[in-house]
PDB file of N, CA and C in Angstrom:
ATOM      1  N   UNK A   1     -11.488  39.159  10.935  1.00  0.00           N
ATOM      2  CA  UNK A   1     -10.246  38.485  11.238  1.00  0.00           C
ATOM      3  C   UNK A   1     -10.468  36.998  11.159  1.00  0.00           C
ATOM      4  N   UNK A   2     -11.501  36.442  11.738  1.00  0.00           N
ATOM      5  CA  UNK A   2     -11.784  35.050  11.799  1.00  0.00           C
ATOM      6  C   UNK A   2     -12.124  34.542  10.341  1.00  0.00           C
ATOM      7  N   UNK A   3     -12.836  35.368   9.650  1.00  0.00           N
ATOM      8  CA  UNK A   3     -13.274  35.021   8.265  1.00  0.00           C
ATOM      9  C   UNK A   3     -11.984  34.842   7.377  1.00  0.00           C
ATOM     10  N   UNK A   4     -11.023  35.722   7.521  1.00  0.00           N
ATOM     11  CA  UNK A   4      -9.767  35.630   6.766  1.00  0.00           C
ATOM     12  C   UNK A   4      -8.994  34.409   7.028  1.00  0.00           C
ATOM     13  N   UNK A   5      -8.908  33.995   8.332  1.00  0.00           N
ATOM     14  CA  UNK A   5      -8.179  32.806   8.711  1.00  0.00           C
ATOM     15  C   UNK A   5      -8.851  31.539   8.210  1.00  0.00           C
ATOM     16  N   UNK A   6     -10.194  31.561   8.170  1.00  0.00           N
ATOM     17  CA  UNK A   6     -10.925  30.407   7.590  1.00  0.00           C
ATOM     18  C   UNK A   6     -10.615  30.294   6.097  1.00  0.00           C
ATOM     19  N   UNK A   7     -10.623  31.422   5.419  1.00  0.00           N
ATOM     20  CA  UNK A   7     -10.338  31.398   3.983  1.00  0.00           C
ATOM     21  C   UNK A   7      -8.937  30.875   3.715  1.00  0.00           C
ATOM     22  N   UNK A   8      -7.975  31.290   4.549  1.00  0.00           N
ATOM     23  CA  UNK A   8      -6.587  30.798   4.336  1.00  0.00           C
ATOM     24  C   UNK A   8      -6.508  29.273   4.611  1.00  0.00           C
ATOM     25  N   UNK A   9      -7.263  28.843   5.651  1.00  0.00           N
ATOM     26  CA  UNK A   9      -7.264  27.407   5.978  1.00  0.00           C
ATOM     27  C   UNK A   9      -7.831  26.586   4.774  1.00  0.00           C
ATOM     28  N   UNK A  10      -8.956  27.100   4.207  1.00  0.00           N
ATOM     29  CA  UNK A  10      -9.572  26.391   3.062  1.00  0.00           C
ATOM     30  C   UNK A  10      -8.625  26.342   1.892  1.00  0.00           C
ATOM     31  N   UNK A  11      -7.916  27.485   1.698  1.00  0.00           N
ATOM     32  CA  UNK A  11      -6.926  27.551   0.572  1.00  0.00           C
ATOM     33  C   UNK A  11      -5.787  26.606   0.786  1.00  0.00           C
ATOM     34  N   UNK A  12      -5.343  26.429   2.018  1.00  0.00           N
ATOM     35  CA  UNK A  12      -4.255  25.514   2.326  1.00  0.00           C
ATOM     36  C   UNK A  12      -4.706  24.068   2.053  1.00  0.00           C
ATOM     37  N   UNK A  13      -5.890  23.744   2.494  1.00  0.00           N
ATOM     38  CA  UNK A  13      -6.452  22.367   2.219  1.00  0.00           C
ATOM     39  C   UNK A  13      -6.560  22.079   0.717  1.00  0.00           C
ATOM     40  N   UNK A  14      -7.056  23.070  -0.042  1.00  0.00           N
ATOM     41  CA  UNK A  14      -7.149  22.833  -1.432  1.00  0.00           C
ATOM     42  C   UNK A  14      -5.731  22.704  -2.072  1.00  0.00           C
ATOM     43  N   UNK A  15      -4.768  23.457  -1.581  1.00  0.00           N
ATOM     44  CA  UNK A  15      -3.413  23.329  -2.100  1.00  0.00           C
ATOM     45  C   UNK A  15      -2.813  21.964  -1.816  1.00  0.00           C
ATOM     46  N   UNK A  16      -3.128  21.383  -0.673  1.00  0.00           N
ATOM     47  CA  UNK A  16      -2.694  20.015  -0.334  1.00  0.00           C
ATOM     48  C   UNK A  16      -3.294  19.020  -1.326  1.00  0.00           C
ATOM     49  N   UNK A  17      -4.608  19.149  -1.607  1.00  0.00           N
ATOM     50  CA  UNK A  17      -5.265  18.219  -2.478  1.00  0.00           C
ATOM     51  C   UNK A  17      -4.736  18.303  -3.893  1.00  0.00           C
ATOM     52  N   UNK A  18      -4.419  19.494  -4.392  1.00  0.00           N
ATOM     53  CA  UNK A  18      -3.895  19.734  -5.683  1.00  0.00           C
ATOM     54  C   UNK A  18      -2.451  19.194  -5.794  1.00  0.00           C
ATOM     55  N   UNK A  19      -1.714  19.187  -4.714  1.00  0.00           N
ATOM     56  CA  UNK A  19      -0.271  18.784  -4.699  1.00  0.00           C
ATOM     57  C   UNK A  19      -0.208  17.207  -4.722  1.00  0.00           C
ATOM     58  N   UNK A  20      -1.193  16.547  -4.318  1.00  0.00           N
ATOM     59  CA  UNK A  20      -1.197  15.108  -4.354  1.00  0.00           C
ATOM     60  C   UNK A  20      -1.398  14.632  -5.742  1.00  0.00           C
ATOM     61  N   UNK A  21      -0.383  14.064  -6.387  1.00  0.00           N
ATOM     62  CA  UNK A  21      -0.467  13.708  -7.745  1.00  0.00           C
ATOM     63  C   UNK A  21      -0.285  12.196  -7.917  1.00  0.00           C
ATOM     64  N   UNK A  22       0.031  11.852  -9.115  1.00  0.00           N
ATOM     65  CA  UNK A  22       0.193  10.358  -9.501  1.00  0.00           C
ATOM     66  C   UNK A  22       1.355   9.768  -8.719  1.00  0.00           C
ATOM     67  N   UNK A  23       2.453  10.519  -8.589  1.00  0.00           N
ATOM     68  CA  UNK A  23       3.593   9.949  -7.876  1.00  0.00           C
ATOM     69  C   UNK A  23       3.267   9.609  -6.390  1.00  0.00           C
ATOM     70  N   UNK A  24       2.497  10.451  -5.752  1.00  0.00           N
ATOM     71  CA  UNK A  24       2.116  10.148  -4.357  1.00  0.00           C
ATOM     72  C   UNK A  24       1.195   8.985  -4.228  1.00  0.00           C
ATOM     73  N   UNK A  25       0.288   8.838  -5.254  1.00  0.00           N
ATOM     74  CA  UNK A  25      -0.593   7.653  -5.249  1.00  0.00           C
ATOM     75  C   UNK A  25       0.215   6.434  -5.479  1.00  0.00           C
ATOM     76  N   UNK A  26       1.149   6.415  -6.380  1.00  0.00           N
ATOM     77  CA  UNK A  26       2.003   5.272  -6.680  1.00  0.00           C
ATOM     78  C   UNK A  26       2.851   4.915  -5.438  1.00  0.00           C
ATOM     79  N   UNK A  27       3.373   5.935  -4.747  1.00  0.00           N
ATOM     80  CA  UNK A  27       4.116   5.678  -3.500  1.00  0.00           C
ATOM     81  C   UNK A  27       3.250   4.964  -2.486  1.00  0.00           C
ATOM     82  N   UNK A  28       1.965   5.441  -2.380  1.00  0.00           N
ATOM     83  CA  UNK A  28       1.013   4.770  -1.453  1.00  0.00           C
ATOM     84  C   UNK A  28       0.803   3.325  -1.744  1.00  0.00           C
ATOM     85  N   UNK A  29       0.578   3.014  -3.079  1.00  0.00           N
ATOM     86  CA  UNK A  29       0.424   1.617  -3.438  1.00  0.00           C
ATOM     87  C   UNK A  29       1.612   0.811  -3.226  1.00  0.00           C
ATOM     88  N   UNK A  30       2.808   1.394  -3.397  1.00  0.00           N
ATOM     89  CA  UNK A  30       4.048   0.669  -3.097  1.00  0.00           C
ATOM     90  C   UNK A  30       4.218   0.371  -1.594  1.00  0.00           C
ATOM     91  N   UNK A  31       3.851   1.330  -0.775  1.00  0.00           N
ATOM     92  CA  UNK A  31       3.876   1.073   0.662  1.00  0.00           C
ATOM     93  C   UNK A  31       2.879   0.019   1.091  1.00  0.00           C
ATOM     94  N   UNK A  32       1.714   0.008   0.511  1.00  0.00           N
ATOM     95  CA  UNK A  32       0.702  -1.022   0.720  1.00  0.00           C
ATOM     96  C   UNK A  32       1.224  -2.426   0.340  1.00  0.00           C
ATOM     97  N   UNK A  33       1.841  -2.482  -0.853  1.00  0.00           N
ATOM     98  CA  UNK A  33       2.425  -3.778  -1.333  1.00  0.00           C
ATOM     99  C   UNK A  33       3.522  -4.245  -0.389  1.00  0.00           C
ATOM    100  N   UNK A  34       4.315  -3.289   0.116  1.00  0.00           N
ATOM    101  CA  UNK A  34       5.409  -3.692   1.022  1.00  0.00           C
ATOM    102  C   UNK A  34       4.791  -4.205   2.310  1.00  0.00           C
ATOM    103  N   UNK A  35       3.755  -3.588   2.816  1.00  0.00           N
ATOM    104  CA  UNK A  35       3.105  -4.020   4.070  1.00  0.00           C
ATOM    105  C   UNK A  35       2.519  -5.494   3.921  1.00  0.00           C
ATOM    106  N   UNK A  36       1.957  -5.749   2.745  1.00  0.00           N
ATOM    107  CA  UNK A  36       1.465  -7.107   2.519  1.00  0.00           C
ATOM    108  C   UNK A  36       2.555  -8.138   2.310  1.00  0.00           C
ATOM    109  N   UNK A  37       3.659  -7.673   1.728  1.00  0.00           N
ATOM    110  CA  UNK A  37       4.752  -8.663   1.421  1.00  0.00           C
ATOM    111  C   UNK A  37       5.479  -9.116   2.709  1.00  0.00           C
ATOM    112  N   UNK A  38       5.416  -8.301   3.775  1.00  0.00           N
ATOM    113  CA  UNK A  38       6.174  -8.724   4.966  1.00  0.00           C
ATOM    114  C   UNK A  38       5.379  -9.535   5.961  1.00  0.00           C
ATOM    115  N   UNK A  39       4.089  -9.769   5.662  1.00  0.00           N
ATOM    116  CA  UNK A  39       3.303 -10.512   6.604  1.00  0.00           C
ATOM    117  C   UNK A  39       3.777 -11.944   6.639  1.00  0.00           C
ATOM    118  N   UNK A  40       4.024 -12.415   7.882  1.00  0.00           N
ATOM    119  CA  UNK A  40       4.561 -13.772   8.085  1.00  0.00           C
ATOM    120  C   UNK A  40       3.366 -14.776   8.244  1.00  0.00           C
ATOM    121  N   UNK A  41       3.409 -15.849   7.471  1.00  0.00           N
ATOM    122  CA  UNK A  41       2.268 -16.808   7.569  1.00  0.00           C
ATOM    123  C   UNK A  41       2.190 -17.496   8.920  1.00  0.00           C
ATOM    124  N   UNK A  42       3.338 -17.942   9.473  1.00  0.00           N
ATOM    125  CA  UNK A  42       3.311 -18.653  10.736  1.00  0.00           C
ATOM    126  C   UNK A  42       2.879 -17.781  11.935  1.00  0.00           C
ATOM    127  N   UNK A  43       3.411 -16.541  11.950  1.00  0.00           N
ATOM    128  CA  UNK A  43       3.156 -15.672  13.123  1.00  0.00           C
ATOM    129  C   UNK A  43       1.885 -14.872  12.991  1.00  0.00           C
ATOM    130  N   UNK A  44       1.498 -14.487  11.776  1.00  0.00           N
ATOM    131  CA  UNK A  44       0.348 -13.543  11.668  1.00  0.00           C
ATOM    132  C   UNK A  44      -0.867 -14.146  10.957  1.00  0.00           C
ATOM    133  N   UNK A  45      -0.600 -14.826   9.818  1.00  0.00           N
ATOM    134  CA  UNK A  45      -1.755 -15.233   9.003  1.00  0.00           C
ATOM    135  C   UNK A  45      -2.419 -16.513   9.487  1.00  0.00           C
ATOM    136  N   UNK A  46      -1.681 -17.571   9.807  1.00  0.00           N
ATOM    137  CA  UNK A  46      -2.192 -18.822  10.196  1.00  0.00           C
ATOM    138  C   UNK A  46      -3.025 -18.742  11.483  1.00  0.00           C
ATOM    139  N   UNK A  47      -2.628 -17.974  12.578  1.00  0.00           N
ATOM    140  CA  UNK A  47      -3.479 -17.930  13.758  1.00  0.00           C
ATOM    141  C   UNK A  47      -4.815 -17.251  13.508  1.00  0.00           C
ATOM    142  N   UNK A  48      -4.921 -16.480  12.486  1.00  0.00           N
ATOM    143  CA  UNK A  48      -6.145 -15.786  12.189  1.00  0.00           C
ATOM    144  C   UNK A  48      -6.949 -16.482  11.123  1.00  0.00           C
ATOM    145  N   UNK A  49      -6.536 -17.670  10.727  1.00  0.00           N
ATOM    146  CA  UNK A  49      -7.272 -18.465   9.690  1.00  0.00           C
ATOM    147  C   UNK A  49      -7.053 -17.958   8.278  1.00  0.00           C
ATOM    148  N   UNK A  50      -5.921 -17.329   8.010  1.00  0.00           N
ATOM    149  CA  UNK A  50      -5.670 -16.756   6.637  1.00  0.00           C
ATOM    150  C   UNK A  50      -4.496 -17.490   5.998  1.00  0.00           C
ATOM    151  N   UNK A  51      -4.323 -18.748   6.277  1.00  0.00           N
ATOM    152  CA  UNK A  51      -3.160 -19.411   5.704  1.00  0.00           C
ATOM    153  C   UNK A  51      -3.388 -19.866   4.287  1.00  0.00           C
ATOM    154  N   UNK A  52      -2.330 -20.251   3.630  1.00  0.00           N
ATOM    155  CA  UNK A  52      -2.447 -20.649   2.200  1.00  0.00           C
ATOM    156  C   UNK A  52      -3.222 -21.939   2.062  1.00  0.00           C
ATOM    157  N   UNK A  53      -3.198 -22.798   3.029  1.00  0.00           N
ATOM    158  CA  UNK A  53      -3.935 -24.085   2.984  1.00  0.00           C
ATOM    159  C   UNK A  53      -5.437 -23.780   2.875  1.00  0.00           C
ATOM    160  N   UNK A  54      -5.914 -22.773   3.588  1.00  0.00           N
ATOM    161  CA  UNK A  54      -7.310 -22.446   3.468  1.00  0.00           C
ATOM    162  C   UNK A  54      -7.624 -21.839   2.131  1.00  0.00           C
ATOM    163  N   UNK A  55      -6.679 -21.134   1.573  1.00  0.00           N
ATOM    164  CA  UNK A  55      -6.871 -20.504   0.262  1.00  0.00           C
ATOM    165  C   UNK A  55      -6.965 -21.534  -0.839  1.00  0.00           C
ATOM    166  N   UNK A  56      -6.241 -22.658  -0.722  1.00  0.00           N
ATOM    167  CA  UNK A  56      -6.217 -23.641  -1.781  1.00  0.00           C
ATOM    168  C   UNK A  56      -7.374 -24.645  -1.635  1.00  0.00           C
ATOM    169  N   UNK A  57      -8.293 -24.524  -0.657  1.00  0.00           N
ATOM    170  CA  UNK A  57      -9.386 -25.444  -0.547  1.00  0.00           C
ATOM    171  C   UNK A  57     -10.581 -25.067  -1.370  1.00  0.00           C
ATOM    172  N   UNK A  58     -10.537 -24.016  -2.180  1.00  0.00           N
ATOM    173  CA  UNK A  58     -11.636 -23.648  -3.080  1.00  0.00           C
ATOM    174  C   UNK A  58     -12.396 -22.417  -2.644  1.00  0.00           C
ATOM    175  N   UNK A  59     -11.940 -21.629  -1.682  1.00  0.00           N
ATOM    176  CA  UNK A  59     -12.544 -20.422  -1.244  1.00  0.00           C
ATOM    177  C   UNK A  59     -12.037 -19.250  -1.958  1.00  0.00           C
ATOM    178  N   UNK A  60     -11.706 -19.393  -3.292  1.00  0.00           N
ATOM    179  CA  UNK A  60     -11.047 -18.304  -3.965  1.00  0.00           C
ATOM    180  C   UNK A  60     -12.035 -17.216  -4.441  1.00  0.00           C
ATOM    181  N   UNK A  61     -13.307 -17.503  -4.451  1.00  0.00           N
ATOM    182  CA  UNK A  61     -14.314 -16.533  -4.958  1.00  0.00           C
ATOM    183  C   UNK A  61     -14.737 -15.566  -3.845  1.00  0.00           C
ATOM    184  N   UNK A  62     -14.507 -15.894  -2.633  1.00  0.00           N
ATOM    185  CA  UNK A  62     -14.929 -14.969  -1.531  1.00  0.00           C
ATOM    186  C   UNK A  62     -13.908 -13.819  -1.393  1.00  0.00           C
ATOM    187  N   UNK A  63     -14.344 -12.817  -0.708  1.00  0.00           N
ATOM    188  CA  UNK A  63     -13.443 -11.641  -0.481  1.00  0.00           C
ATOM    189  C   UNK A  63     -12.236 -12.037   0.289  1.00  0.00           C
ATOM    190  N   UNK A  64     -12.457 -12.922   1.269  1.00  0.00           N
ATOM    191  CA  UNK A  64     -11.306 -13.361   2.075  1.00  0.00           C
ATOM    192  C   UNK A  64     -10.306 -14.176   1.182  1.00  0.00           C
ATOM    193  N   UNK A  65     -10.818 -14.991   0.288  1.00  0.00           N
ATOM    194  CA  UNK A  65      -9.929 -15.742  -0.559  1.00  0.00           C
ATOM    195  C   UNK A  65      -9.221 -14.861  -1.545  1.00  0.00           C
ATOM    196  N   UNK A  66      -9.894 -13.855  -2.007  1.00  0.00           N
ATOM    197  CA  UNK A  66      -9.238 -12.892  -2.952  1.00  0.00           C
ATOM    198  C   UNK A  66      -8.081 -12.149  -2.184  1.00  0.00           C
ATOM    199  N   UNK A  67      -8.406 -11.706  -0.954  1.00  0.00           N
ATOM    200  CA  UNK A  67      -7.361 -10.982  -0.185  1.00  0.00           C
ATOM    201  C   UNK A  67      -6.156 -11.875   0.156  1.00  0.00           C
ATOM    202  N   UNK A  68      -6.400 -13.127   0.480  1.00  0.00           N
ATOM    203  CA  UNK A  68      -5.350 -14.080   0.758  1.00  0.00           C
ATOM    204  C   UNK A  68      -4.501 -14.233  -0.517  1.00  0.00           C
ATOM    205  N   UNK A  69      -5.122 -14.370  -1.648  1.00  0.00           N
ATOM    206  CA  UNK A  69      -4.435 -14.528  -2.942  1.00  0.00           C
ATOM    207  C   UNK A  69      -3.589 -13.263  -3.234  1.00  0.00           C
ATOM    208  N   UNK A  70      -4.082 -12.088  -2.895  1.00  0.00           N
ATOM    209  CA  UNK A  70      -3.342 -10.855  -3.103  1.00  0.00           C
ATOM    210  C   UNK A  70      -2.113 -10.836  -2.204  1.00  0.00           C
ATOM    211  N   UNK A  71      -2.293 -11.185  -0.958  1.00  0.00           N
ATOM    212  CA  UNK A  71      -1.166 -11.250   0.001  1.00  0.00           C
ATOM    213  C   UNK A  71      -0.085 -12.187  -0.489  1.00  0.00           C
ATOM    214  N   UNK A  72      -0.497 -13.412  -0.950  1.00  0.00           N
ATOM    215  CA  UNK A  72       0.535 -14.342  -1.409  1.00  0.00           C
ATOM    216  C   UNK A  72       1.152 -13.920  -2.725  1.00  0.00           C
ATOM    217  N   UNK A  73       0.440 -13.217  -3.580  1.00  0.00           N
ATOM    218  CA  UNK A  73       0.996 -12.696  -4.813  1.00  0.00           C
ATOM    219  C   UNK A  73       2.077 -11.650  -4.516  1.00  0.00           C
ATOM    220  N   UNK A  74       1.829 -10.773  -3.539  1.00  0.00           N
ATOM    221  CA  UNK A  74       2.825  -9.804  -3.179  1.00  0.00           C
ATOM    222  C   UNK A  74       4.069 -10.462  -2.509  1.00  0.00           C
ATOM    223  N   UNK A  75       3.799 -11.487  -1.787  1.00  0.00           N
ATOM    224  CA  UNK A  75       4.954 -12.175  -1.174  1.00  0.00           C
ATOM    225  C   UNK A  75       5.769 -12.904  -2.238  1.00  0.00           C
ATOM    226  N   UNK A  76       5.162 -13.369  -3.281  1.00  0.00           N
ATOM    227  CA  UNK A  76       5.862 -14.016  -4.374  1.00  0.00           C
ATOM    228  C   UNK A  76       6.675 -13.014  -5.168  1.00  0.00           C
ATOM    229  N   UNK A  77       6.226 -11.815  -5.244  1.00  0.00           N
ATOM    230  CA  UNK A  77       6.810 -10.754  -6.070  1.00  0.00           C
ATOM    231  C   UNK A  77       7.792  -9.828  -5.278  1.00  0.00           C
ATOM    232  N   UNK A  78       8.501 -10.475  -4.356  1.00  0.00           N
ATOM    233  CA  UNK A  78       9.341  -9.634  -3.441  1.00  0.00           C
ATOM    234  C   UNK A  78      10.524  -8.975  -4.237  1.00  0.00           C
ATOM    235  N   UNK A  79      11.118  -9.720  -5.153  1.00  0.00           N
ATOM    236  CA  UNK A  79      12.311  -9.115  -5.863  1.00  0.00           C
ATOM    237  C   UNK A  79      11.878  -7.886  -6.718  1.00  0.00           C
ATOM    238  N   UNK A  80      10.743  -7.972  -7.422  1.00  0.00           N
ATOM    239  CA  UNK A  80      10.323  -6.768  -8.118  1.00  0.00           C
ATOM    240  C   UNK A  80      10.002  -5.605  -7.158  1.00  0.00           C
ATOM    241  N   UNK A  81       9.466  -5.909  -5.942  1.00  0.00           N
ATOM    242  CA  UNK A  81       9.217  -4.899  -4.961  1.00  0.00           C
ATOM    243  C   UNK A  81      10.488  -4.254  -4.445  1.00  0.00           C
ATOM    244  N   UNK A  82      11.515  -5.041  -4.267  1.00  0.00           N
ATOM    245  CA  UNK A  82      12.814  -4.497  -3.887  1.00  0.00           C
ATOM    246  C   UNK A  82      13.307  -3.522  -4.934  1.00  0.00           C
ATOM    247  N   UNK A  83      13.227  -3.950  -6.181  1.00  0.00           N
ATOM    248  CA  UNK A  83      13.660  -3.079  -7.253  1.00  0.00           C
ATOM    249  C   UNK A  83      12.868  -1.765  -7.337  1.00  0.00           C
ATOM    250  N   UNK A  84      11.537  -1.876  -7.200  1.00  0.00           N
ATOM    251  CA  UNK A  84      10.644  -0.670  -7.229  1.00  0.00           C
ATOM    252  C   UNK A  84      11.016   0.209  -5.988  1.00  0.00           C
ATOM    253  N   UNK A  85      11.280  -0.337  -4.864  1.00  0.00           N
ATOM    254  CA  UNK A  85      11.669   0.482  -3.692  1.00  0.00           C
ATOM    255  C   UNK A  85      12.990   1.212  -4.005  1.00  0.00           C
ATOM    256  N   UNK A  86      13.910   0.549  -4.623  1.00  0.00           N
ATOM    257  CA  UNK A  86      15.254   1.117  -4.905  1.00  0.00           C
ATOM    258  C   UNK A  86      15.042   2.287  -5.928  1.00  0.00           C
ATOM    259  N   UNK A  87      14.228   2.061  -6.935  1.00  0.00           N
ATOM    260  CA  UNK A  87      13.926   3.127  -7.935  1.00  0.00           C
ATOM    261  C   UNK A  87      13.260   4.317  -7.265  1.00  0.00           C
ATOM    262  N   UNK A  88      12.294   4.011  -6.391  1.00  0.00           N
ATOM    263  CA  UNK A  88      11.633   5.106  -5.683  1.00  0.00           C
ATOM    264  C   UNK A  88      12.549   5.933  -4.806  1.00  0.00           C
ATOM    265  N   UNK A  89      13.463   5.239  -4.134  1.00  0.00           N
ATOM    266  CA  UNK A  89      14.432   5.963  -3.269  1.00  0.00           C
ATOM    267  C   UNK A  89      15.322   6.828  -4.093  1.00  0.00           C
ATOM    268  N   UNK A  90      15.815   6.269  -5.250  1.00  0.00           N
ATOM    269  CA  UNK A  90      16.711   7.050  -6.076  1.00  0.00           C
ATOM    270  C   UNK A  90      16.007   8.294  -6.630  1.00  0.00           C
ATOM    271  N   UNK A  91      14.730   8.116  -7.107  1.00  0.00           N
ATOM    272  CA  UNK A  91      13.995   9.263  -7.657  1.00  0.00           C
ATOM    273  C   UNK A  91      13.747  10.269  -6.566  1.00  0.00           C
ATOM    274  N   UNK A  92      13.469   9.907  -5.364  1.00  0.00           N
ATOM    275  CA  UNK A  92      13.223  10.797  -4.272  1.00  0.00           C
ATOM    276  C   UNK A  92      14.521  11.571  -3.906  1.00  0.00           C
ATOM    277  N   UNK A  93      15.618  10.866  -3.930  1.00  0.00           N
ATOM    278  CA  UNK A  93      16.955  11.541  -3.629  1.00  0.00           C
ATOM    279  C   UNK A  93      17.290  12.579  -4.714  1.00  0.00           C
ATOM    280  N   UNK A  94      17.011  12.221  -5.977  1.00  0.00           N
ATOM    281  CA  UNK A  94      17.308  13.126  -7.014  1.00  0.00           C
ATOM    282  C   UNK A  94      16.423  14.333  -7.036  1.00  0.00           C
ATOM    283  N   UNK A  95      15.097  14.084  -6.881  1.00  0.00           N
ATOM    284  CA  UNK A  95      14.127  15.170  -7.004  1.00  0.00           C
ATOM    285  C   UNK A  95      14.035  16.014  -5.714  1.00  0.00           C
ATOM    286  N   UNK A  96      14.541  15.497  -4.641  1.00  0.00           N
ATOM    287  CA  UNK A  96      14.506  16.311  -3.388  1.00  0.00           C
ATOM    288  C   UNK A  96      13.299  16.031  -2.630  1.00  0.00           C
TER     289      UNK A  96
END
């Protein structure tokens, strides 16, 4: 009895991994981009030393500089993010 339930559990986990496709990965990246786009410089980034003024002083080669650049790039691209979110919502409404 226990052996059968373990086999069903393993089958369920494999089914979940097979079901995660390209659309799910793209949704995850879209959510990550949304999370970076809403970070406020005055309230969140500057008190932690991640302001744009530190980024422009020449620390662009470090990991921190690259991450700050990515955050500001996503904040700059807010309009395309809004459009991608709208497309994602429409596709999810249509597909169920």
